[in-house]
Amino acid sequence: MATKERVGTVVSDKMDKTVVVAVENRFPHPIYQKTVSRTQRYKAHDEANTCKVGDRVRITETRPLSRTKRWTVAEVLSTSTGN
């Protein structure tokens, strides 16, 4: 069984060793065919506290690390430049 992976944007880094990653899913509406975007937020484990708000990251599913944390940051794809 392959582990699930998602690519998203870090929207919060206020917690210790944890970041909140927003993953946007775009799909056409089943009847009207207009593009609809749904955003899912995941709490991901960031061991070294390297991620900052605005970073593009890849997260992978892992065993439960806390009550709400089931993902871990696999790699930082690009960093934010305007802080």
C-alpha atoms as a PDB file:
ATOM      1  CA  MET A   1       0.000   0.000   0.000  1.00  0.00           C
ATOM      2  CA  ALA A   2       1.445   3.357  -1.037  1.00  0.00           C
ATOM      3  CA  THR A   3       1.464   6.195   1.456  1.00  0.00           C
ATOM      4  CA  LYS A   4      -0.663   9.192   0.583  1.00  0.00           C
ATOM      5  CA  GLU A   5       1.067  12.402  -0.425  1.00  0.00           C
ATOM      6  CA  ARG A   6      -0.280  15.940  -0.748  1.00  0.00           C
ATOM      7  CA  VAL A   7       1.240  19.241  -1.874  1.00  0.00           C
ATOM      8  CA  GLY A   8       0.072  22.406  -0.158  1.00  0.00           C
ATOM      9  CA  THR A   9       0.901  25.774   1.342  1.00  0.00           C
ATOM     10  CA  VAL A  10       1.871  26.387   4.975  1.00  0.00           C
ATOM     11  CA  VAL A  11      -0.743  28.695   6.529  1.00  0.00           C
ATOM     12  CA  SER A  12       0.376  28.543  10.180  1.00  0.00           C
ATOM     13  CA  ASP A  13       3.686  27.834  11.919  1.00  0.00           C
ATOM     14  CA  LYS A  14       2.854  29.084  15.415  1.00  0.00           C
ATOM     15  CA  MET A  15       3.022  25.655  17.062  1.00  0.00           C
ATOM     16  CA  ASP A  16       6.219  23.880  18.102  1.00  0.00           C
ATOM     17  CA  LYS A  17       7.246  21.193  15.557  1.00  0.00           C
ATOM     18  CA  THR A  18       3.846  21.459  13.844  1.00  0.00           C
ATOM     19  CA  VAL A  19       2.623  23.360  10.792  1.00  0.00           C
ATOM     20  CA  VAL A  20      -0.846  23.705   9.273  1.00  0.00           C
ATOM     21  CA  VAL A  21      -0.858  22.951   5.541  1.00  0.00           C
ATOM     22  CA  ALA A  22      -3.738  23.995   3.275  1.00  0.00           C
ATOM     23  CA  VAL A  23      -4.249  21.677   0.293  1.00  0.00           C
ATOM     24  CA  GLU A  24      -6.478  22.992  -2.484  1.00  0.00           C
ATOM     25  CA  ASN A  25      -8.496  20.570  -4.628  1.00  0.00           C
ATOM     26  CA  ARG A  26      -9.900  21.937  -7.907  1.00  0.00           C
ATOM     27  CA  PHE A  27     -12.549  20.054  -9.865  1.00  0.00           C
ATOM     28  CA  PRO A  28     -15.391  20.858 -12.270  1.00  0.00           C
ATOM     29  CA  HIS A  29     -18.882  21.084 -10.804  1.00  0.00           C
ATOM     30  CA  PRO A  30     -20.798  17.924 -11.759  1.00  0.00           C
ATOM     31  CA  ILE A  31     -23.703  19.832 -13.357  1.00  0.00           C
ATOM     32  CA  TYR A  32     -22.505  23.342 -14.232  1.00  0.00           C
ATOM     33  CA  GLN A  33     -18.852  22.481 -15.099  1.00  0.00           C
ATOM     34  CA  LYS A  34     -17.570  25.609 -13.355  1.00  0.00           C
ATOM     35  CA  THR A  35     -14.269  25.034 -11.550  1.00  0.00           C
ATOM     36  CA  VAL A  36     -14.849  24.592  -7.824  1.00  0.00           C
ATOM     37  CA  SER A  37     -12.013  24.742  -5.295  1.00  0.00           C
ATOM     38  CA  ARG A  38     -12.165  23.054  -1.909  1.00  0.00           C
ATOM     39  CA  THR A  39      -9.482  23.581   0.726  1.00  0.00           C
ATOM     40  CA  GLN A  40      -8.540  20.935   3.284  1.00  0.00           C
ATOM     41  CA  ARG A  41      -6.236  21.805   6.185  1.00  0.00           C
ATOM     42  CA  TYR A  42      -3.843  19.229   7.622  1.00  0.00           C
ATOM     43  CA  LYS A  43      -1.628  19.456  10.702  1.00  0.00           C
ATOM     44  CA  ALA A  44       1.819  18.134   9.789  1.00  0.00           C
ATOM     45  CA  HIS A  45       4.884  17.313  11.871  1.00  0.00           C
ATOM     46  CA  ASP A  46       7.892  19.577  11.191  1.00  0.00           C
ATOM     47  CA  GLU A  47      10.711  18.200  13.334  1.00  0.00           C
ATOM     48  CA  ALA A  48      13.257  20.965  12.708  1.00  0.00           C
ATOM     49  CA  ASN A  49      10.794  23.910  12.664  1.00  0.00           C
ATOM     50  CA  THR A  50      12.096  24.882   9.201  1.00  0.00           C
ATOM     51  CA  CYS A  51       8.762  25.666   7.487  1.00  0.00           C
ATOM     52  CA  LYS A  52       7.467  29.226   7.416  1.00  0.00           C
ATOM     53  CA  VAL A  53       4.096  30.668   6.362  1.00  0.00           C
ATOM     54  CA  GLY A  54       3.783  30.698   2.578  1.00  0.00           C
ATOM     55  CA  ASP A  55       6.152  27.791   1.920  1.00  0.00           C
ATOM     56  CA  ARG A  56       5.082  25.147  -0.591  1.00  0.00           C
ATOM     57  CA  VAL A  57       5.559  21.695   0.990  1.00  0.00           C
ATOM     58  CA  ARG A  58       4.945  18.018   0.282  1.00  0.00           C
ATOM     59  CA  ILE A  59       3.398  16.084   3.181  1.00  0.00           C
ATOM     60  CA  THR A  60       3.076  12.318   3.610  1.00  0.00           C
ATOM     61  CA  GLU A  61       0.668  10.312   5.715  1.00  0.00           C
ATOM     62  CA  THR A  62       2.099   8.671   8.828  1.00  0.00           C
ATOM     63  CA  ARG A  63       0.993   7.005  12.045  1.00  0.00           C
ATOM     64  CA  PRO A  64      -0.952   9.194  14.501  1.00  0.00           C
ATOM     65  CA  LEU A  65       1.479  11.547  16.230  1.00  0.00           C
ATOM     66  CA  SER A  66      -1.119  13.381  18.329  1.00  0.00           C
ATOM     67  CA  ARG A  67      -4.884  13.768  18.510  1.00  0.00           C
ATOM     68  CA  THR A  68      -5.072  15.682  15.219  1.00  0.00           C
ATOM     69  CA  LYS A  69      -1.649  15.142  13.618  1.00  0.00           C
ATOM     70  CA  ARG A  70      -1.389  12.316  11.053  1.00  0.00           C
ATOM     71  CA  TRP A  71       0.948  13.872   8.459  1.00  0.00           C
ATOM     72  CA  THR A  72       4.633  14.776   8.309  1.00  0.00           C
ATOM     73  CA  VAL A  73       6.515  17.249   6.122  1.00  0.00           C
ATOM     74  CA  ALA A  74       8.487  15.264   3.529  1.00  0.00           C
ATOM     75  CA  GLU A  75      10.183  18.174   1.759  1.00  0.00           C
ATOM     76  CA  VAL A  76       9.990  21.922   1.233  1.00  0.00           C
ATOM     77  CA  LEU A  77       9.374  22.548  -2.476  1.00  0.00           C
ATOM     78  CA  SER A  78       9.719  26.339  -2.450  1.00  0.00           C
ATOM     79  CA  THR A  79      10.094  28.993   0.215  1.00  0.00           C
ATOM     80  CA  SER A  80       8.148  32.217   0.647  1.00  0.00           C
ATOM     81  CA  THR A  81      10.055  35.368  -0.245  1.00  0.00           C
ATOM     82  CA  GLY A  82       8.055  38.255   1.151  1.00  0.00           C
ATOM     83  CA  ASN A  83       8.419  38.161   4.950  1.00  0.00           C
END
